[in-house]
Amino acid sequence: MSFGLIGGSIQHSLSPMIHKLLHDMPYPLYETLDLKGTLSLPTLKALNVTMPLKKAAFEMAHAHDDWAELTGAVNTLIKTPEGWHGYNTDASALYELFSKWFKNDSEKAVHILGNGATARTIRVVLSALGFQDITVHARHPKAGESTWESLRDASGILMNATPLGLHETANDYPFDLNRVTQFDAVFDVLYTPYRTPLIQAAIRHGIRWTSGLSMLIQQAIHGAKLAQPKIPLKADAQTVFKTVLKNDLNIVIIGMPQAGKSTFGNALARHLNRPFFDVDAIIKETTGKAPHTWIESSGEAAFRRIEHETVKKLESQRGVVIATGGGTVLDPENVARLKAKGVLVYLQAPDPVSLDASRPLSSTIDAYHILKKTRTPLYERVCDYAIHRHEDFEIMKEKWEVSHDTFLRHQWP
């Protein structure tokens, strides 16, 4: 018997990884909108349902749990002798998580971005927890809802229940992300990218935050318990959360020229059995010119545009190691794209004994030290953690593992 997932575009879903950590049932993906046909498969015992099929799943279910009745949506179907029983495990997961995250916040105002099915589920859960001051903000508000612009004077808790952040940069949001400072906490229903522009803004300003990954994992746990109520789960939520991040997030090496980013990144990728991408090497391979040649022939600004496009092409990668150029993080959009699905590791290194004369921005001792003085604060500000270079990779690997494990543990909300 199997427990699967149905939806229209689910090939990159994290659910198979999560369910493999939780139980031993096969978890196939059904990339189709034929819900009725999929439910007729004889080996199927349980099925997770994504949008736009949650309403159809509600209508096909012969019975519903209370959350499904309250929201009119089903995202988990369990086969019973009487037929398919529908559950809204998104709602039950959010109830459990909100009870912990916002246990002392019920008197605060909540502002929900979006007015779709997910927003309705969030609103139902918040109401069940005693929240009364709830405002829905939408691009095209319905009766009783507010506009994006009304966020200007809002405060309390901000929750994003839209696809905003799935592909957009900060500049593509219809409101200023610096307004996040008006709020006490931020929740983004998206789980990939892990750190959306909204979440990154919250981190920069020290605002309490959490992402949709916790919700995804918790609803998977609820579904697995429904599918196999007598079989204990193989892992708890926190263990699954850490394991998913460890496998899914990119490792991005930043730092000064000649710090050894490519050497360390390549060795780390081999150790982890992950693909390795070197931004400077990609530029040379795709344009026929190395970075220093670009700068010498066309100027630094032209090179930075090529570098920007190269980073943009890498944003779809997951679970890889990336070595950046020394100046890649000068572009805030590069930083945001790399941070969205990656951990930025600042590789600190002693000054090089000899300088590479082919590097026009750091070809002399004076030029190198000027570059180091201006860039070091930037590396320190944008990195998630720093490690010191060592000639022995085994020593570096051990230092990296400690720092990386600490970072992952601190992500659990």
Protein backbone atom coordinates (compact mmCIF):
# COMPACT_ATOMS: atom_id res chain seq x y z
CA MET A 1 0.00 0.00 0.00
CA SER A 2 1.19 3.53 -0.74
CA PHE A 3 0.72 7.12 0.44
CA GLY A 4 1.16 9.55 -2.47
CA LEU A 5 0.89 13.16 -3.58
CA ILE A 6 -1.22 14.52 -6.44
CA GLY A 7 -0.88 17.88 -8.16
CA GLY A 8 -0.13 19.64 -11.41
CA SER A 9 3.52 20.60 -10.89
CA ILE A 10 5.06 18.62 -8.06
CA GLN A 11 8.28 17.16 -9.45
CA HIS A 12 10.37 19.31 -7.08
CA SER A 13 8.25 18.65 -3.99
CA LEU A 14 9.99 18.06 -0.66
CA SER A 15 7.20 15.73 0.46
CA PRO A 16 8.84 12.46 -0.75
CA MET A 17 11.96 13.27 1.31
CA ILE A 18 9.88 14.15 4.36
CA HIS A 19 7.68 11.03 4.19
CA LYS A 20 10.70 8.77 3.66
CA LEU A 21 12.06 10.08 6.96
CA LEU A 22 8.74 9.49 8.72
CA HIS A 23 7.62 6.02 7.54
CA ASP A 24 8.32 3.14 5.18
CA MET A 25 5.27 3.40 2.94
CA PRO A 26 6.04 4.18 -0.72
CA TYR A 27 5.25 7.83 -1.53
CA PRO A 28 4.73 8.17 -5.31
CA LEU A 29 4.05 11.47 -7.07
CA TYR A 30 1.02 11.71 -9.36
CA GLU A 31 1.58 14.76 -11.54
CA THR A 32 -1.97 14.99 -12.82
CA LEU A 33 -5.25 16.74 -12.08
CA ASP A 34 -7.20 13.49 -12.51
CA LEU A 35 -8.10 13.07 -8.85
CA LYS A 36 -10.92 10.58 -9.46
CA GLY A 37 -8.73 8.32 -11.60
CA THR A 38 -5.86 8.44 -9.12
CA LEU A 39 -8.15 7.51 -6.21
CA SER A 40 -9.19 4.39 -8.12
CA LEU A 41 -5.65 2.94 -7.94
CA PRO A 42 -5.93 -0.29 -5.90
CA THR A 43 -2.63 0.11 -4.02
CA LEU A 44 -3.33 3.64 -2.81
CA LYS A 45 -4.08 3.91 0.91
CA ALA A 46 -3.62 7.66 1.45
CA LEU A 47 -3.17 10.72 -0.74
CA ASN A 48 -1.94 14.25 -0.15
CA VAL A 49 -3.65 16.82 -2.37
CA THR A 50 -2.24 20.18 -3.48
CA MET A 51 -3.95 23.16 -5.07
CA PRO A 52 -6.10 23.39 -7.16
CA LEU A 53 -7.58 20.04 -6.10
CA LYS A 54 -8.36 20.67 -2.42
CA LYS A 55 -11.97 21.68 -3.10
CA ALA A 56 -12.47 18.71 -5.43
CA ALA A 57 -11.01 16.43 -2.74
CA PHE A 58 -13.52 17.86 -0.26
CA GLU A 59 -16.38 17.07 -2.63
CA MET A 60 -15.16 13.52 -3.34
CA ALA A 61 -14.65 12.59 0.30
CA HIS A 62 -17.52 10.66 1.89
CA ALA A 63 -16.74 12.17 5.31
CA HIS A 64 -14.67 15.04 6.68
CA ASP A 65 -12.85 16.02 9.85
CA ASP A 66 -13.85 19.22 11.64
CA TRP A 67 -11.08 21.28 10.04
CA ALA A 68 -12.18 20.24 6.56
CA GLU A 69 -15.76 21.18 7.37
CA LEU A 70 -14.70 24.59 8.68
CA THR A 71 -12.45 25.40 5.68
CA GLY A 72 -14.23 23.58 2.84
CA ALA A 73 -10.89 22.12 1.77
CA VAL A 74 -9.21 18.71 2.00
CA ASN A 75 -5.50 18.08 1.55
CA THR A 76 -5.28 14.53 2.93
CA LEU A 77 -7.46 11.60 1.89
CA ILE A 78 -7.42 8.31 3.81
CA LYS A 79 -9.04 5.16 2.41
CA THR A 80 -11.53 3.50 4.78
CA PRO A 81 -13.99 0.60 4.28
CA GLU A 82 -16.73 3.20 3.77
CA GLY A 83 -14.77 5.31 1.25
CA TRP A 84 -12.28 8.16 1.29
CA HIS A 85 -12.20 10.23 4.49
CA GLY A 86 -11.08 13.84 4.00
CA TYR A 87 -8.87 15.81 6.38
CA ASN A 88 -7.41 19.29 6.37
CA THR A 89 -4.04 18.50 7.95
CA ASP A 90 -2.79 21.96 6.93
CA ALA A 91 -5.26 23.35 9.46
CA SER A 92 -4.49 20.84 12.19
CA ALA A 93 -0.75 21.42 11.66
CA LEU A 94 -1.16 25.21 11.82
CA TYR A 95 -3.27 24.92 14.96
CA GLU A 96 -0.49 22.96 16.66
CA LEU A 97 2.24 25.31 15.42
CA PHE A 98 0.40 28.59 16.06
CA SER A 99 -0.41 27.38 19.56
CA LYS A 100 3.33 27.31 20.17
CA TRP A 101 4.57 30.21 18.05
CA PHE A 102 1.90 32.73 19.03
CA LYS A 103 0.74 31.43 22.42
CA ASN A 104 0.94 34.88 24.02
CA ASP A 105 -0.18 36.91 20.99
CA SER A 106 -3.95 36.41 20.72
CA GLU A 107 -4.61 40.05 21.62
CA LYS A 108 -2.47 41.26 18.72
CA ALA A 109 -3.74 42.19 15.28
CA VAL A 110 -2.99 39.72 12.48
CA HIS A 111 -2.61 40.81 8.87
CA ILE A 112 -2.91 38.08 6.23
CA LEU A 113 -1.63 38.67 2.70
CA GLY A 114 -3.87 36.96 0.15
CA ASN A 115 -7.50 35.85 0.09
CA GLY A 116 -7.26 32.34 -1.35
CA ALA A 117 -7.82 28.91 0.21
CA THR A 118 -4.66 29.03 2.33
CA ALA A 119 -5.62 32.42 3.74
CA ARG A 120 -9.05 31.04 4.65
CA THR A 121 -7.45 28.10 6.46
CA ILE A 122 -5.14 30.43 8.40
CA ARG A 123 -8.08 32.62 9.37
CA VAL A 124 -10.14 29.67 10.61
CA VAL A 125 -7.20 28.43 12.72
CA LEU A 126 -6.50 31.87 14.19
CA SER A 127 -10.19 32.27 15.11
CA ALA A 128 -10.13 28.88 16.84
CA LEU A 129 -7.15 30.08 18.87
CA GLY A 130 -8.98 33.17 20.04
CA PHE A 131 -7.57 35.79 17.68
CA GLN A 132 -10.21 38.41 16.91
CA ASP A 133 -8.43 41.25 15.12
CA ILE A 134 -7.73 39.60 11.73
CA THR A 135 -7.44 41.58 8.50
CA VAL A 136 -7.09 40.10 5.02
CA HIS A 137 -5.13 42.16 2.48
CA ALA A 138 -5.40 41.39 -1.24
CA ARG A 139 -4.48 42.84 -4.61
CA HIS A 140 -8.18 42.71 -5.46
CA PRO A 141 -9.96 42.79 -2.10
CA LYS A 142 -13.47 41.44 -1.68
CA ALA A 143 -16.09 42.79 0.69
CA GLY A 144 -14.66 43.09 4.18
CA GLU A 145 -11.05 42.84 2.98
CA SER A 146 -8.33 45.48 2.68
CA THR A 147 -5.78 46.54 0.08
CA TRP A 148 -2.02 46.07 0.04
CA GLU A 149 -1.65 49.78 0.64
CA SER A 150 -3.48 49.57 3.97
CA LEU A 151 -0.45 47.72 5.37
CA ARG A 152 1.25 51.10 5.66
CA ASP A 153 -0.21 51.65 9.12
CA ALA A 154 -0.49 48.01 10.19
CA SER A 155 1.22 46.34 13.15
CA GLY A 156 1.07 43.06 15.04
CA ILE A 157 1.67 39.80 13.14
CA LEU A 158 2.16 39.56 9.38
CA MET A 159 1.34 36.32 7.51
CA ASN A 160 1.93 35.74 3.81
CA ALA A 161 -0.54 33.28 2.23
CA THR A 162 0.27 34.12 -1.40
CA PRO A 163 2.86 32.86 -3.91
CA LEU A 164 4.77 36.14 -3.44
CA GLY A 165 8.42 35.23 -2.96
CA LEU A 166 8.29 32.06 -5.02
CA HIS A 167 10.11 33.81 -7.88
CA GLU A 168 10.07 37.53 -7.03
CA THR A 169 12.90 39.67 -5.72
CA ALA A 170 12.26 42.29 -3.04
CA ASN A 171 11.64 44.89 -5.73
CA ASP A 172 8.74 42.87 -7.15
CA TYR A 173 6.61 43.00 -4.01
CA PRO A 174 3.69 45.44 -4.17
CA PHE A 175 4.68 46.91 -0.79
CA ASP A 176 7.90 48.04 0.86
CA LEU A 177 9.47 45.12 2.71
CA ASN A 178 11.09 47.55 5.15
CA ARG A 179 7.61 47.87 6.66
CA VAL A 180 8.32 44.53 8.32
CA THR A 181 9.78 46.58 11.19
CA GLN A 182 6.21 47.51 12.14
CA PHE A 183 5.44 43.89 13.04
CA ASP A 184 6.33 41.69 15.99
CA ALA A 185 6.40 38.45 14.00
CA VAL A 186 6.27 37.20 10.40
CA PHE A 187 5.03 33.89 9.00
CA ASP A 188 5.45 32.96 5.32
CA VAL A 189 3.50 29.93 4.13
CA LEU A 190 6.10 29.25 1.40
CA TYR A 191 8.75 26.63 2.16
CA THR A 192 10.77 26.89 -1.01
CA PRO A 193 12.66 29.09 -1.30
CA TYR A 194 13.30 28.64 2.40
CA ARG A 195 14.15 32.31 2.91
CA THR A 196 11.84 34.41 0.76
CA PRO A 197 12.51 38.16 0.39
CA LEU A 198 9.95 38.74 3.15
CA ILE A 199 11.73 36.34 5.50
CA GLN A 200 15.11 37.85 4.62
CA ALA A 201 13.74 41.29 5.50
CA ALA A 202 12.53 39.96 8.85
CA ILE A 203 15.96 38.45 9.55
CA ARG A 204 17.76 41.69 8.68
CA HIS A 205 15.58 43.68 11.06
CA GLY A 206 15.59 41.15 13.88
CA ILE A 207 11.88 40.31 13.60
CA ARG A 208 10.65 36.92 14.88
CA TRP A 209 9.92 34.73 11.86
CA THR A 210 9.14 31.25 10.62
CA SER A 211 8.56 29.68 7.21
CA GLY A 212 6.13 27.19 5.72
CA LEU A 213 8.60 24.30 6.05
CA SER A 214 7.49 23.67 9.63
CA MET A 215 3.87 23.60 8.46
CA LEU A 216 4.71 21.18 5.62
CA ILE A 217 6.51 18.81 7.98
CA GLN A 218 3.85 18.97 10.68
CA GLN A 219 1.02 18.28 8.23
CA ALA A 220 3.02 15.32 6.87
CA ILE A 221 3.30 13.98 10.41
CA HIS A 222 -0.45 14.35 10.92
CA GLY A 223 -1.12 12.59 7.61
CA ALA A 224 1.29 9.74 8.35
CA LYS A 225 -0.37 9.13 11.74
CA LEU A 226 -3.77 8.98 10.04
CA ALA A 227 -2.51 6.55 7.39
CA GLN A 228 -0.76 4.23 9.89
CA PRO A 229 -2.20 4.99 13.34
CA LYS A 230 -0.66 1.92 14.99
CA ILE A 231 2.88 2.31 13.61
CA PRO A 232 5.25 4.75 15.37
CA LEU A 233 6.92 7.38 13.21
CA LYS A 234 10.64 6.98 12.52
CA ALA A 235 11.52 10.61 13.35
CA ASP A 236 10.13 13.67 15.10
CA ALA A 237 9.42 17.05 13.51
CA GLN A 238 12.65 18.73 14.60
CA THR A 239 14.81 15.88 13.25
CA VAL A 240 12.97 15.92 9.92
CA PHE A 241 13.24 19.71 9.71
CA LYS A 242 17.01 19.66 10.23
CA THR A 243 17.52 16.76 7.82
CA VAL A 244 15.48 18.40 5.05
CA LEU A 245 17.40 21.66 5.39
CA LYS A 246 20.72 19.81 5.48
CA ASN A 247 19.93 18.04 2.22
CA ASP A 248 18.06 20.80 0.40
CA LEU A 249 19.92 24.04 1.12
CA ASN A 250 22.83 25.09 -1.09
CA ILE A 251 26.20 25.80 0.50
CA VAL A 252 27.53 29.09 -0.88
CA ILE A 253 31.16 30.04 -0.25
CA ILE A 254 31.93 33.78 -0.11
CA GLY A 255 35.09 35.72 0.74
CA MET A 256 38.09 37.66 -0.52
CA PRO A 257 39.93 36.93 -3.78
CA GLN A 258 42.52 34.17 -3.33
CA ALA A 259 40.88 33.00 -0.10
CA GLY A 260 40.56 29.47 -1.52
CA LYS A 261 36.78 29.49 -2.11
CA SER A 262 36.93 27.33 -5.24
CA THR A 263 39.38 24.86 -3.73
CA PHE A 264 37.40 24.43 -0.52
CA GLY A 265 34.04 24.42 -2.31
CA ASN A 266 35.16 21.75 -4.76
CA ALA A 267 36.59 19.56 -1.98
CA LEU A 268 33.44 20.00 0.12
CA ALA A 269 31.23 19.11 -2.84
CA ARG A 270 33.19 15.91 -3.42
CA HIS A 271 32.97 15.04 0.28
CA LEU A 272 29.20 15.58 0.30
CA ASN A 273 28.69 14.02 -3.15
CA ARG A 274 27.01 17.17 -4.42
CA PRO A 275 27.27 19.08 -7.70
CA PHE A 276 29.74 21.99 -7.61
CA PHE A 277 29.35 25.35 -9.36
CA ASP A 278 32.01 28.04 -9.56
CA VAL A 279 30.58 31.43 -10.59
CA ASP A 280 33.84 32.69 -12.11
CA ALA A 281 34.43 29.42 -13.97
CA ILE A 282 30.87 29.48 -15.35
CA ILE A 283 31.40 33.03 -16.63
CA LYS A 284 34.59 32.01 -18.40
CA GLU A 285 32.97 28.91 -19.87
CA THR A 286 29.80 30.65 -21.09
CA THR A 287 31.32 33.93 -22.34
CA GLY A 288 34.81 32.84 -23.36
CA LYS A 289 36.35 35.48 -21.10
CA ALA A 290 37.64 35.15 -17.55
CA PRO A 291 36.47 37.70 -14.97
CA HIS A 292 39.73 39.64 -15.03
CA THR A 293 39.54 39.85 -18.84
CA TRP A 294 36.00 41.19 -18.60
CA ILE A 295 37.07 43.86 -16.13
CA GLU A 296 40.16 44.86 -18.13
CA SER A 297 38.37 45.01 -21.49
CA SER A 298 34.87 46.20 -20.58
CA GLY A 299 35.08 47.60 -17.05
CA GLU A 300 33.88 46.29 -13.71
CA ALA A 301 30.26 47.39 -14.24
CA ALA A 302 29.95 45.23 -17.38
CA PHE A 303 31.42 42.26 -15.55
CA ARG A 304 29.01 42.70 -12.63
CA ARG A 305 26.09 42.52 -15.05
CA ILE A 306 27.41 39.20 -16.42
CA GLU A 307 27.96 37.98 -12.87
CA HIS A 308 24.41 38.99 -11.90
CA GLU A 309 22.93 36.98 -14.77
CA THR A 310 25.09 33.98 -13.86
CA VAL A 311 23.85 33.99 -10.26
CA LYS A 312 20.29 34.35 -11.53
CA LYS A 313 20.69 31.19 -13.63
CA LEU A 314 21.83 29.28 -10.54
CA GLU A 315 18.78 30.17 -8.44
CA SER A 316 16.91 26.99 -9.40
CA GLN A 317 19.67 24.76 -7.99
CA ARG A 318 19.04 22.91 -4.72
CA GLY A 319 21.42 20.91 -2.57
CA VAL A 320 24.58 22.05 -4.39
CA VAL A 321 27.85 23.79 -3.45
CA ILE A 322 28.55 27.19 -5.03
CA ALA A 323 31.82 29.16 -4.95
CA THR A 324 31.30 32.84 -5.66
CA GLY A 325 33.64 35.53 -6.89
CA GLY A 326 35.10 37.93 -4.37
CA GLY A 327 32.70 40.68 -5.39
CA THR A 328 29.57 38.63 -6.06
CA VAL A 329 27.97 39.79 -2.81
CA LEU A 330 28.38 43.46 -3.76
CA ASP A 331 25.03 43.12 -5.55
CA PRO A 332 22.15 42.93 -3.01
CA GLU A 333 20.04 40.94 -5.50
CA ASN A 334 22.82 38.35 -5.78
CA VAL A 335 22.86 38.04 -2.00
CA ALA A 336 19.07 37.66 -1.84
CA ARG A 337 19.03 34.99 -4.57
CA LEU A 338 21.86 33.02 -2.96
CA LYS A 339 20.36 33.27 0.52
CA ALA A 340 16.88 32.21 -0.65
CA LYS A 341 17.96 28.57 -1.08
CA GLY A 342 21.42 28.58 0.44
CA VAL A 343 23.66 29.06 3.45
CA LEU A 344 26.34 31.73 2.97
CA VAL A 345 29.68 30.59 4.40
CA TYR A 346 32.33 33.29 4.79
CA LEU A 347 35.74 31.70 4.23
CA GLN A 348 38.22 33.76 6.22
CA ALA A 349 41.84 33.46 5.14
CA PRO A 350 45.18 35.10 5.94
CA ASP A 351 46.50 37.58 3.41
CA PRO A 352 48.08 35.78 0.45
CA VAL A 353 51.87 35.52 0.41
CA SER A 354 51.92 36.51 -3.24
CA LEU A 355 49.26 38.27 -5.24
CA ASP A 356 47.86 37.25 -8.60
CA ALA A 357 48.89 39.99 -11.02
CA SER A 358 46.04 39.02 -13.35
CA ARG A 359 43.43 40.23 -10.83
CA PRO A 360 42.97 43.93 -11.64
CA LEU A 361 41.10 44.74 -8.42
CA SER A 362 43.70 43.18 -6.09
CA SER A 363 46.94 42.96 -8.04
CA THR A 364 49.04 44.88 -5.49
CA ILE A 365 49.37 44.80 -1.71
CA ASP A 366 47.79 48.25 -1.36
CA ALA A 367 44.89 47.37 -3.67
CA TYR A 368 44.30 44.11 -1.82
CA HIS A 369 44.18 45.78 1.60
CA ILE A 370 41.84 48.51 0.38
CA LEU A 371 39.56 45.79 -1.03
CA LYS A 372 39.77 43.83 2.21
CA LYS A 373 38.94 46.87 4.35
CA THR A 374 35.83 47.70 2.32
CA ARG A 375 34.56 44.15 1.78
CA THR A 376 35.16 42.49 5.13
CA PRO A 377 32.20 44.24 6.84
CA LEU A 378 30.00 43.15 3.94
CA TYR A 379 31.08 39.51 4.16
CA GLU A 380 30.47 39.58 7.92
CA ARG A 381 27.03 41.12 7.49
CA VAL A 382 25.64 38.81 4.79
CA CYS A 383 27.15 35.49 5.86
CA ASP A 384 25.31 32.91 7.94
CA TYR A 385 28.54 31.86 9.61
CA ALA A 386 32.30 32.08 9.04
CA ILE A 387 35.08 29.48 9.09
CA HIS A 388 38.84 29.91 8.89
CA ARG A 389 40.80 28.39 6.05
CA HIS A 390 43.24 25.63 6.90
CA GLU A 391 45.65 23.82 4.62
CA ASP A 392 44.31 20.48 5.87
CA PHE A 393 40.85 19.88 4.38
CA GLU A 394 39.97 17.36 7.11
CA ILE A 395 40.40 20.06 9.75
CA MET A 396 38.36 22.53 7.68
CA LYS A 397 35.66 19.94 7.10
CA GLU A 398 35.32 19.32 10.83
CA LYS A 399 35.08 23.06 11.55
CA TRP A 400 32.49 23.46 8.79
CA GLU A 401 30.40 20.55 10.08
CA VAL A 402 30.23 22.08 13.58
CA SER A 403 29.27 25.51 12.24
CA HIS A 404 26.76 24.11 9.76
CA ASP A 405 25.11 21.91 12.37
CA THR A 406 24.79 24.89 14.71
CA PHE A 407 23.20 26.96 11.94
CA LEU A 408 20.65 24.21 11.16
CA ARG A 409 19.70 23.76 14.82
CA HIS A 410 19.03 27.48 15.16
CA GLN A 411 16.58 27.41 12.25
CA TRP A 412 14.01 25.38 14.19
CA PRO A 413 11.33 27.89 15.23
